C-alpha atoms as a PDB file:
ATOM      1  CA  MET A   1      51.261  29.685-135.895  1.00  0.00           C
ATOM      2  CA  ARG A   2      49.579  32.640-136.371  1.00  0.00           C
ATOM      3  CA  CYS A   3      49.408  34.590-139.313  1.00  0.00           C
ATOM      4  CA  LYS A   4      46.865  36.556-141.476  1.00  0.00           C
ATOM      5  CA  ILE A   5      44.978  35.271-145.004  1.00  0.00           C
ATOM      6  CA  PHE A   6      42.737  35.959-147.326  1.00  0.00           C
ATOM      7  CA  LEU A   7      39.699  34.164-149.031  1.00  0.00           C
ATOM      8  CA  THR A   8      37.955  35.580-151.508  1.00  0.00           C
ATOM      9  CA  GLY A   9      34.664  33.177-152.797  1.00  0.00           C
ATOM     10  CA  GLN A  10      33.302  30.069-151.779  1.00  0.00           C
ATOM     11  CA  ARG A  11      35.706  28.122-153.956  1.00  0.00           C
ATOM     12  CA  ASP A  12      38.601  28.982-151.991  1.00  0.00           C
ATOM     13  CA  CYS A  13      36.636  28.490-148.711  1.00  0.00           C
ATOM     14  CA  LEU A  14      36.250  25.611-149.819  1.00  0.00           C
ATOM     15  CA  ASP A  15      39.399  24.373-150.999  1.00  0.00           C
ATOM     16  CA  PHE A  16      40.973  26.186-147.340  1.00  0.00           C
ATOM     17  CA  CYS A  17      38.563  23.722-145.738  1.00  0.00           C
ATOM     18  CA  GLN A  18      39.324  20.723-147.344  1.00  0.00           C
ATOM     19  CA  LYS A  19      43.293  20.988-146.986  1.00  0.00           C
ATOM     20  CA  ALA A  20      42.465  21.873-143.162  1.00  0.00           C
ATOM     21  CA  GLN A  21      40.293  18.742-142.871  1.00  0.00           C
ATOM     22  CA  GLY A  22      43.730  16.735-143.473  1.00  0.00           C
ATOM     23  CA  PHE A  23      45.303  17.808-140.362  1.00  0.00           C
ATOM     24  CA  ASP A  24      44.913  16.301-136.694  1.00  0.00           C
ATOM     25  CA  LYS A  25      45.383  19.391-135.086  1.00  0.00           C
ATOM     26  CA  GLU A  26      42.859  21.996-134.045  1.00  0.00           C
ATOM     27  CA  ILE A  27      43.150  24.715-137.158  1.00  0.00           C
ATOM     28  CA  PHE A  28      41.206  28.228-136.146  1.00  0.00           C
ATOM     29  CA  LEU A  29      39.968  31.401-137.861  1.00  0.00           C
ATOM     30  CA  ILE A  30      40.040  34.837-135.465  1.00  0.00           C
ATOM     31  CA  SER A  31      39.270  38.297-136.041  1.00  0.00           C
ATOM     32  CA  LYS A  32      42.743  40.162-135.474  1.00  0.00           C
ATOM     33  CA  ASN A  33      41.298  41.618-132.031  1.00  0.00           C
ATOM     34  CA  GLY A  34      40.763  37.512-131.318  1.00  0.00           C
ATOM     35  CA  LYS A  35      37.013  38.771-130.005  1.00  0.00           C
ATOM     36  CA  TYR A  36      35.964  35.683-133.337  1.00  0.00           C
ATOM     37  CA  ARG A  37      37.288  32.435-133.333  1.00  0.00           C
ATOM     38  CA  VAL A  38      35.756  29.913-135.673  1.00  0.00           C
ATOM     39  CA  ASN A  39      36.775  26.172-136.101  1.00  0.00           C
ATOM     40  CA  ALA A  40      38.762  26.300-139.895  1.00  0.00           C
ATOM     41  CA  LYS A  41      37.761  23.010-140.487  1.00  0.00           C
ATOM     42  CA  SER A  42      34.074  23.902-140.861  1.00  0.00           C
ATOM     43  CA  ILE A  43      32.406  24.957-143.805  1.00  0.00           C
ATOM     44  CA  MET A  44      30.252  26.812-142.299  1.00  0.00           C
ATOM     45  CA  GLY A  45      33.210  28.703-139.999  1.00  0.00           C
ATOM     46  CA  CYS A  46      35.007  29.076-143.318  1.00  0.00           C
ATOM     47  CA  MET A  47      31.947  31.033-145.318  1.00  0.00           C
ATOM     48  CA  LEU A  48      31.219  33.236-141.840  1.00  0.00           C
ATOM     49  CA  ALA A  49      35.001  34.864-141.414  1.00  0.00           C
ATOM     50  CA  SER A  50      34.846  35.125-145.502  1.00  0.00           C
ATOM     51  CA  ALA A  51      31.659  36.956-145.297  1.00  0.00           C
ATOM     52  CA  GLU A  52      31.723  38.725-142.507  1.00  0.00           C
ATOM     53  CA  TRP A  53      35.823  39.843-141.152  1.00  0.00           C
ATOM     54  CA  GLY A  54      36.472  40.133-145.328  1.00  0.00           C
ATOM     55  CA  ASP A  55      39.982  40.955-144.784  1.00  0.00           C
ATOM     56  CA  ASP A  56      40.505  40.341-141.226  1.00  0.00           C
ATOM     57  CA  ILE A  57      41.301  36.878-140.999  1.00  0.00           C
ATOM     58  CA  TRP A  58      43.806  35.124-139.075  1.00  0.00           C
ATOM     59  CA  MET A  59      44.914  31.474-138.746  1.00  0.00           C
ATOM     60  CA  GLU A  60      46.104  29.978-135.659  1.00  0.00           C
ATOM     61  CA  CYS A  61      47.372  26.649-135.022  1.00  0.00           C
ATOM     62  CA  GLU A  62      49.598  24.076-132.614  1.00  0.00           C
ATOM     63  CA  THR A  63      52.251  23.826-135.623  1.00  0.00           C
ATOM     64  CA  ASP A  64      53.834  25.753-138.185  1.00  0.00           C
ATOM     65  CA  LEU A  65      51.719  25.037-141.266  1.00  0.00           C
ATOM     66  CA  TYR A  66      52.951  27.652-143.372  1.00  0.00           C
ATOM     67  CA  THR A  67      53.817  25.392-146.614  1.00  0.00           C
ATOM     68  CA  ALA A  68      50.091  23.745-146.574  1.00  0.00           C
ATOM     69  CA  PHE A  69      48.283  26.939-146.335  1.00  0.00           C
ATOM     70  CA  GLU A  70      50.696  29.283-148.199  1.00  0.00           C
ATOM     71  CA  ARG A  71      48.340  29.876-151.222  1.00  0.00           C
ATOM     72  CA  TRP A  72      45.970  31.470-148.820  1.00  0.00           C
ATOM     73  CA  ILE A  73      48.766  33.312-146.569  1.00  0.00           C
ATOM     74  CA  ASP A  74      48.812  37.333-147.007  1.00  0.00           C
ATOM     75  CA  GLU A  75      52.238  38.371-147.450  1.00  0.00           C
ATOM     76  CA  ALA A  76      52.369  41.870-146.727  1.00  0.00           C
ATOM     77  CA  ALA A  77      52.287  43.450-143.612  1.00  0.00           C
ATOM     78  CA  ASP A  78      50.101  46.053-142.739  1.00  0.00           C
ATOM     79  CA  ASP A  79      52.479  48.885-143.372  1.00  0.00           C
ATOM     80  CA  GLY A  80      52.872  47.303-146.914  1.00  0.00           C
ATOM     81  CA  ASN A  81      56.384  45.913-147.017  1.00  0.00           C
ATOM     82  CA  PHE A  82      55.856  41.908-148.223  1.00  0.00           C
ATOM     83  CA  VAL A  83      56.908  39.608-145.372  1.00  0.00           C
ATOM     84  CA  HIS A  84      58.395  36.866-146.757  1.00  0.00           C
ATOM     85  CA  GLU A  85      60.889  38.626-149.588  1.00  0.00           C
END
């Protein structure tokens, strides 16, 4: 599963990281072009992604965790159309 997410502030990063730590599968945060990758279970990784990548954060994992991370998933596509209606 790969989807665009948004992390706004320290509280958001802490909540996201805590949720990611509850799964035994690997979960990564990557930049859109794939140049940068951090472990989503790392608070420092989440904070770095939030501070440095802005609105270019993507979550990647082996299984479908949409419902668990729905709060952070960006529902609008790049063209402004809503992906999940």
